[in-house]
């Protein structure tokens, strides 16, 4: 089944159909996660409200790291097999990984502020 979508034309046809509903779903889930992580969670007994930054900091760090690992895998696929979708995925993951790395640095600085 996966080799069927290795054809860029077939993949882009499927992607055009799925982008809109998955974008709406992802925005809703991100908003729900931010609400529960930043507003609905109780403050910590030692750190108070600043512990809520960890609900953003840790997932952002994981996503940045996993994004860069996925970029390495896509780069390997592109170099070895010259698959055009690997190059597309590689180029689209770079700004996302950079954004999550920036978010990790900002939230880490906010959380570590004395």
N, C-alpha and C. Protein backbone atom coordinates (compact mmCIF):
# COMPACT_ATOMS: atom_id res chain seq x y z
N UNK A 1 0.82 -1.19 0.00
CA UNK A 1 0.00 0.00 0.00
C UNK A 1 0.87 1.26 0.00
N UNK A 2 1.96 1.24 0.77
CA UNK A 2 2.79 2.44 0.85
C UNK A 2 3.51 2.73 -0.46
N UNK A 3 3.83 1.68 -1.21
CA UNK A 3 4.49 1.93 -2.48
C UNK A 3 3.54 2.56 -3.49
N UNK A 4 2.24 2.41 -3.28
CA UNK A 4 1.27 3.06 -4.15
C UNK A 4 1.38 4.58 -4.02
N UNK A 5 1.60 5.06 -2.80
CA UNK A 5 1.71 6.50 -2.56
C UNK A 5 3.12 7.03 -2.75
N UNK A 6 4.05 6.17 -3.15
CA UNK A 6 5.40 6.64 -3.47
C UNK A 6 5.42 7.44 -4.76
N UNK A 7 4.40 7.28 -5.56
CA UNK A 7 4.26 8.08 -6.77
C UNK A 7 3.84 9.49 -6.36
N UNK A 8 4.60 10.52 -6.71
CA UNK A 8 4.27 11.87 -6.27
C UNK A 8 2.89 12.35 -6.72
N UNK A 9 2.44 11.94 -7.88
CA UNK A 9 1.12 12.38 -8.36
C UNK A 9 0.02 11.81 -7.48
N UNK A 10 0.11 10.54 -7.16
CA UNK A 10 -0.90 9.93 -6.29
C UNK A 10 -0.85 10.51 -4.89
N UNK A 11 0.36 10.72 -4.40
CA UNK A 11 0.50 11.28 -3.05
C UNK A 11 -0.09 12.69 -2.98
N UNK A 12 0.20 13.52 -3.97
CA UNK A 12 -0.32 14.88 -3.94
C UNK A 12 -1.84 14.91 -4.09
N UNK A 13 -2.39 13.97 -4.83
CA UNK A 13 -3.85 13.89 -4.95
C UNK A 13 -4.47 13.58 -3.59
N UNK A 14 -3.88 12.64 -2.86
CA UNK A 14 -4.38 12.31 -1.53
C UNK A 14 -4.14 13.47 -0.56
N UNK A 15 -2.98 14.11 -0.67
CA UNK A 15 -2.66 15.21 0.24
C UNK A 15 -3.61 16.38 0.07
N UNK A 16 -4.00 16.68 -1.16
CA UNK A 16 -4.95 17.78 -1.40
C UNK A 16 -6.27 17.54 -0.69
N UNK A 17 -6.69 16.28 -0.63
CA UNK A 17 -7.96 15.95 0.01
C UNK A 17 -7.84 16.02 1.53
N UNK A 18 -6.71 15.59 2.07
CA UNK A 18 -6.57 15.46 3.52
C UNK A 18 -6.06 16.70 4.23
N UNK A 19 -5.48 17.65 3.53
CA UNK A 19 -4.86 18.80 4.20
C UNK A 19 -5.88 19.62 4.98
N UNK A 20 -7.00 19.95 4.41
CA UNK A 20 -7.97 20.81 5.08
C UNK A 20 -8.55 20.17 6.35
N UNK A 21 -9.09 18.94 6.29
CA UNK A 21 -9.64 18.39 7.53
C UNK A 21 -8.58 18.12 8.60
N UNK A 22 -7.40 17.69 8.19
CA UNK A 22 -6.36 17.44 9.18
C UNK A 22 -5.82 18.74 9.78
N UNK A 23 -5.83 19.81 9.01
CA UNK A 23 -5.41 21.11 9.55
C UNK A 23 -6.39 21.59 10.61
N UNK A 24 -7.67 21.46 10.33
CA UNK A 24 -8.69 21.87 11.31
C UNK A 24 -8.58 21.01 12.57
N UNK A 25 -8.43 19.71 12.40
CA UNK A 25 -8.30 18.81 13.55
C UNK A 25 -7.06 19.14 14.37
N UNK A 26 -5.95 19.42 13.71
CA UNK A 26 -4.73 19.72 14.46
C UNK A 26 -4.83 21.04 15.21
N UNK A 27 -5.46 22.04 14.62
CA UNK A 27 -5.63 23.32 15.33
C UNK A 27 -6.53 23.13 16.55
N UNK A 28 -7.60 22.36 16.40
CA UNK A 28 -8.48 22.11 17.54
C UNK A 28 -7.77 21.36 18.66
N UNK A 29 -6.98 20.36 18.30
CA UNK A 29 -6.25 19.60 19.32
C UNK A 29 -5.16 20.44 19.98
N UNK A 30 -4.50 21.29 19.23
CA UNK A 30 -3.49 22.17 19.82
C UNK A 30 -4.14 23.15 20.79
N UNK A 31 -5.27 23.72 20.40
CA UNK A 31 -5.97 24.64 21.30
C UNK A 31 -6.45 23.94 22.56
N UNK A 32 -6.96 22.72 22.42
CA UNK A 32 -7.39 21.96 23.60
C UNK A 32 -6.20 21.65 24.50
N UNK A 33 -5.08 21.25 23.92
CA UNK A 33 -3.90 20.96 24.72
C UNK A 33 -3.36 22.19 25.43
N UNK A 34 -3.36 23.32 24.74
CA UNK A 34 -2.91 24.56 25.38
C UNK A 34 -3.85 24.98 26.51
N UNK A 35 -5.15 24.80 26.31
CA UNK A 35 -6.10 25.15 27.36
C UNK A 35 -5.87 24.28 28.60
N UNK A 36 -5.81 22.97 28.40
CA UNK A 36 -5.65 22.08 29.55
C UNK A 36 -4.26 22.21 30.18
N UNK A 37 -3.25 22.47 29.38
CA UNK A 37 -1.91 22.59 29.92
C UNK A 37 -1.64 23.92 30.61
N UNK A 38 -2.17 25.00 30.06
CA UNK A 38 -1.84 26.32 30.59
C UNK A 38 -2.91 26.91 31.51
N UNK A 39 -4.16 26.55 31.31
CA UNK A 39 -5.22 27.18 32.10
C UNK A 39 -5.88 26.23 33.09
N UNK A 40 -6.10 25.00 32.72
CA UNK A 40 -6.87 24.09 33.56
C UNK A 40 -6.01 23.31 34.56
N UNK A 41 -4.71 23.27 34.36
CA UNK A 41 -3.87 22.50 35.28
C UNK A 41 -3.61 23.31 36.56
N UNK A 42 -3.54 22.62 37.69
CA UNK A 42 -3.31 23.34 38.95
C UNK A 42 -1.85 23.77 39.08
N UNK A 43 -1.59 24.82 39.83
CA UNK A 43 -0.20 25.24 40.04
C UNK A 43 0.55 24.24 40.92
N UNK A 44 1.85 24.20 40.76
CA UNK A 44 2.70 23.31 41.55
C UNK A 44 2.90 23.90 42.94
N UNK A 45 3.14 23.05 43.92
CA UNK A 45 3.28 23.55 45.29
C UNK A 45 4.60 24.28 45.50
N UNK A 46 5.63 23.99 44.69
CA UNK A 46 6.91 24.67 44.83
C UNK A 46 7.10 25.77 43.79
N UNK A 47 6.78 25.48 42.55
CA UNK A 47 7.05 26.42 41.47
C UNK A 47 5.88 27.33 41.14
N UNK A 48 4.73 27.01 41.64
CA UNK A 48 3.56 27.83 41.36
C UNK A 48 3.11 27.69 39.91
N UNK A 49 2.78 28.81 39.31
CA UNK A 49 2.26 28.79 37.94
C UNK A 49 3.34 28.60 36.88
N UNK A 50 4.61 28.79 37.24
CA UNK A 50 5.66 28.67 36.23
C UNK A 50 5.85 27.23 35.76
N UNK A 51 5.36 26.26 36.50
CA UNK A 51 5.49 24.87 36.06
C UNK A 51 4.69 24.60 34.80
N UNK A 52 3.72 25.43 34.53
CA UNK A 52 2.89 25.24 33.33
C UNK A 52 3.68 25.45 32.04
N UNK A 53 4.78 26.16 32.13
CA UNK A 53 5.63 26.34 30.96
C UNK A 53 6.17 24.99 30.48
N UNK A 54 6.35 24.06 31.40
CA UNK A 54 6.87 22.74 31.04
C UNK A 54 5.92 21.98 30.12
N UNK A 55 4.63 22.30 30.18
CA UNK A 55 3.67 21.64 29.30
C UNK A 55 3.84 22.08 27.85
N UNK A 56 4.55 23.15 27.62
CA UNK A 56 4.87 23.60 26.27
C UNK A 56 6.33 23.28 25.94
N UNK A 57 7.20 23.47 26.91
CA UNK A 57 8.65 23.33 26.69
C UNK A 57 9.04 21.90 26.30
N UNK A 58 8.60 20.93 27.05
CA UNK A 58 9.02 19.54 26.81
C UNK A 58 8.49 19.00 25.49
N UNK A 59 7.19 19.16 25.17
CA UNK A 59 6.75 18.69 23.85
C UNK A 59 7.43 19.43 22.70
N UNK A 60 7.71 20.71 22.87
CA UNK A 60 8.40 21.44 21.81
C UNK A 60 9.81 20.90 21.60
N UNK A 61 10.49 20.55 22.68
CA UNK A 61 11.83 19.99 22.56
C UNK A 61 11.79 18.63 21.87
N UNK A 62 10.83 17.81 22.23
CA UNK A 62 10.70 16.50 21.58
C UNK A 62 10.38 16.66 20.09
N UNK A 63 9.47 17.55 19.76
CA UNK A 63 9.11 17.73 18.36
C UNK A 63 10.27 18.30 17.55
N UNK A 64 11.05 19.19 18.14
CA UNK A 64 12.22 19.72 17.44
C UNK A 64 13.22 18.60 17.18
N UNK A 65 13.49 17.80 18.19
CA UNK A 65 14.45 16.70 18.04
C UNK A 65 13.97 15.67 17.02
N UNK A 66 12.72 15.28 17.13
CA UNK A 66 12.19 14.29 16.20
C UNK A 66 12.09 14.84 14.78
N UNK A 67 11.84 16.13 14.66
CA UNK A 67 11.82 16.74 13.33
C UNK A 67 13.18 16.68 12.66
N UNK A 68 14.22 16.93 13.44
CA UNK A 68 15.56 16.88 12.86
C UNK A 68 15.99 15.45 12.55
N UNK A 69 15.56 14.49 13.35
CA UNK A 69 15.84 13.08 13.03
C UNK A 69 15.12 12.68 11.75
N UNK A 70 13.86 13.10 11.63
CA UNK A 70 13.10 12.79 10.41
C UNK A 70 13.73 13.46 9.19
N UNK A 71 14.28 14.65 9.38
CA UNK A 71 14.98 15.31 8.27
C UNK A 71 16.20 14.49 7.85
N UNK A 72 16.90 13.94 8.81
CA UNK A 72 18.04 13.09 8.48
C UNK A 72 17.64 11.85 7.71
N UNK A 73 16.54 11.23 8.13
CA UNK A 73 16.05 10.03 7.43
C UNK A 73 15.61 10.39 6.02
N UNK A 74 14.88 11.50 5.88
CA UNK A 74 14.45 11.92 4.54
C UNK A 74 15.65 12.28 3.66
N UNK A 75 16.64 12.91 4.25
CA UNK A 75 17.85 13.23 3.50
C UNK A 75 18.56 11.97 3.02
N UNK A 76 18.60 10.96 3.87
CA UNK A 76 19.20 9.69 3.47
C UNK A 76 18.41 9.05 2.33
N UNK A 77 17.09 9.06 2.43
CA UNK A 77 16.26 8.51 1.36
C UNK A 77 16.48 9.26 0.06
N UNK A 78 16.61 10.57 0.16
CA UNK A 78 16.80 11.35 -1.06
C UNK A 78 18.18 11.11 -1.68
N UNK A 79 19.20 11.02 -0.85
CA UNK A 79 20.54 10.81 -1.37
C UNK A 79 20.69 9.41 -1.97
N UNK A 80 20.16 8.41 -1.28
CA UNK A 80 20.35 7.03 -1.73
C UNK A 80 19.43 6.70 -2.90
N UNK A 81 18.14 6.99 -2.77
CA UNK A 81 17.18 6.56 -3.79
C UNK A 81 16.67 7.68 -4.68
N UNK A 82 17.06 8.91 -4.43
CA UNK A 82 16.63 10.07 -5.23
C UNK A 82 15.10 10.15 -5.36
N UNK A 83 14.43 9.89 -4.25
CA UNK A 83 12.97 9.95 -4.26
C UNK A 83 12.53 11.40 -4.08
N UNK A 84 11.71 11.92 -4.99
CA UNK A 84 11.35 13.35 -4.91
C UNK A 84 10.51 13.71 -3.69
N UNK A 85 9.70 12.78 -3.19
CA UNK A 85 8.90 13.10 -2.01
C UNK A 85 9.75 13.24 -0.76
N UNK A 86 10.88 12.56 -0.71
CA UNK A 86 11.77 12.71 0.43
C UNK A 86 12.34 14.13 0.47
N UNK A 87 12.64 14.68 -0.69
CA UNK A 87 13.13 16.05 -0.74
C UNK A 87 12.05 17.04 -0.33
N UNK A 88 10.82 16.79 -0.76
CA UNK A 88 9.70 17.67 -0.38
C UNK A 88 9.49 17.62 1.13
N UNK A 89 9.51 16.42 1.69
CA UNK A 89 9.33 16.27 3.14
C UNK A 89 10.48 16.93 3.90
N UNK A 90 11.68 16.77 3.39
CA UNK A 90 12.85 17.37 4.04
C UNK A 90 12.74 18.88 4.07
N UNK A 91 12.38 19.47 2.97
CA UNK A 91 12.26 20.93 2.91
C UNK A 91 11.10 21.46 3.74
N UNK A 92 10.05 20.68 3.88
CA UNK A 92 8.92 21.15 4.67
C UNK A 92 9.13 20.96 6.16
N UNK A 93 10.00 20.04 6.56
CA UNK A 93 10.25 19.82 7.98
C UNK A 93 11.24 20.82 8.57
N UNK A 94 12.07 21.41 7.76
CA UNK A 94 13.11 22.30 8.28
C UNK A 94 12.53 23.51 9.02
N UNK A 95 11.58 24.26 8.47
CA UNK A 95 11.05 25.40 9.23
C UNK A 95 10.26 24.98 10.47
N UNK A 96 9.61 23.83 10.39
CA UNK A 96 8.85 23.35 11.55
C UNK A 96 9.80 22.99 12.69
N UNK A 97 10.87 22.29 12.36
CA UNK A 97 11.87 21.96 13.38
C UNK A 97 12.53 23.19 13.97
N UNK A 98 12.81 24.17 13.12
CA UNK A 98 13.41 25.41 13.61
C UNK A 98 12.45 26.18 14.52
N UNK A 99 11.16 26.17 14.18
CA UNK A 99 10.18 26.86 15.02
C UNK A 99 10.06 26.20 16.38
N UNK A 100 10.04 24.87 16.41
CA UNK A 100 9.95 24.18 17.69
C UNK A 100 11.24 24.32 18.50
N UNK A 101 12.38 24.38 17.83
CA UNK A 101 13.64 24.62 18.55
C UNK A 101 13.65 26.02 19.15
N UNK A 102 13.16 27.00 18.41
CA UNK A 102 13.06 28.37 18.93
C UNK A 102 12.10 28.42 20.12
N UNK A 103 10.96 27.74 20.00
CA UNK A 103 9.99 27.70 21.10
C UNK A 103 10.60 27.02 22.33
N UNK A 104 11.40 25.99 22.11
CA UNK A 104 12.08 25.32 23.22
C UNK A 104 13.04 26.27 23.92
N UNK A 105 13.80 27.02 23.15
CA UNK A 105 14.76 27.96 23.74
C UNK A 105 14.05 29.07 24.51
N UNK A 106 12.98 29.59 23.96
CA UNK A 106 12.26 30.68 24.62
C UNK A 106 11.61 30.19 25.91
N UNK A 107 10.91 29.07 25.85
CA UNK A 107 10.24 28.58 27.06
C UNK A 107 11.25 28.10 28.10
N UNK A 108 12.38 27.58 27.66
CA UNK A 108 13.42 27.20 28.62
C UNK A 108 14.00 28.41 29.33
N UNK A 109 14.17 29.50 28.59
CA UNK A 109 14.67 30.73 29.21
C UNK A 109 13.64 31.31 30.17
N UNK A 110 12.37 31.23 29.81
CA UNK A 110 11.33 31.74 30.71
C UNK A 110 11.23 30.90 31.97
N UNK A 111 11.32 29.59 31.82
CA UNK A 111 11.19 28.71 32.97
C UNK A 111 12.42 28.80 33.88
N UNK A 112 13.59 28.97 33.29
CA UNK A 112 14.81 29.02 34.08
C UNK A 112 15.12 30.39 34.66
N UNK A 113 14.29 31.37 34.36
CA UNK A 113 14.52 32.72 34.88
C UNK A 113 14.43 32.71 36.40
N UNK A 114 15.44 33.27 37.08
CA UNK A 114 15.40 33.25 38.56
C UNK A 114 14.36 34.19 39.13
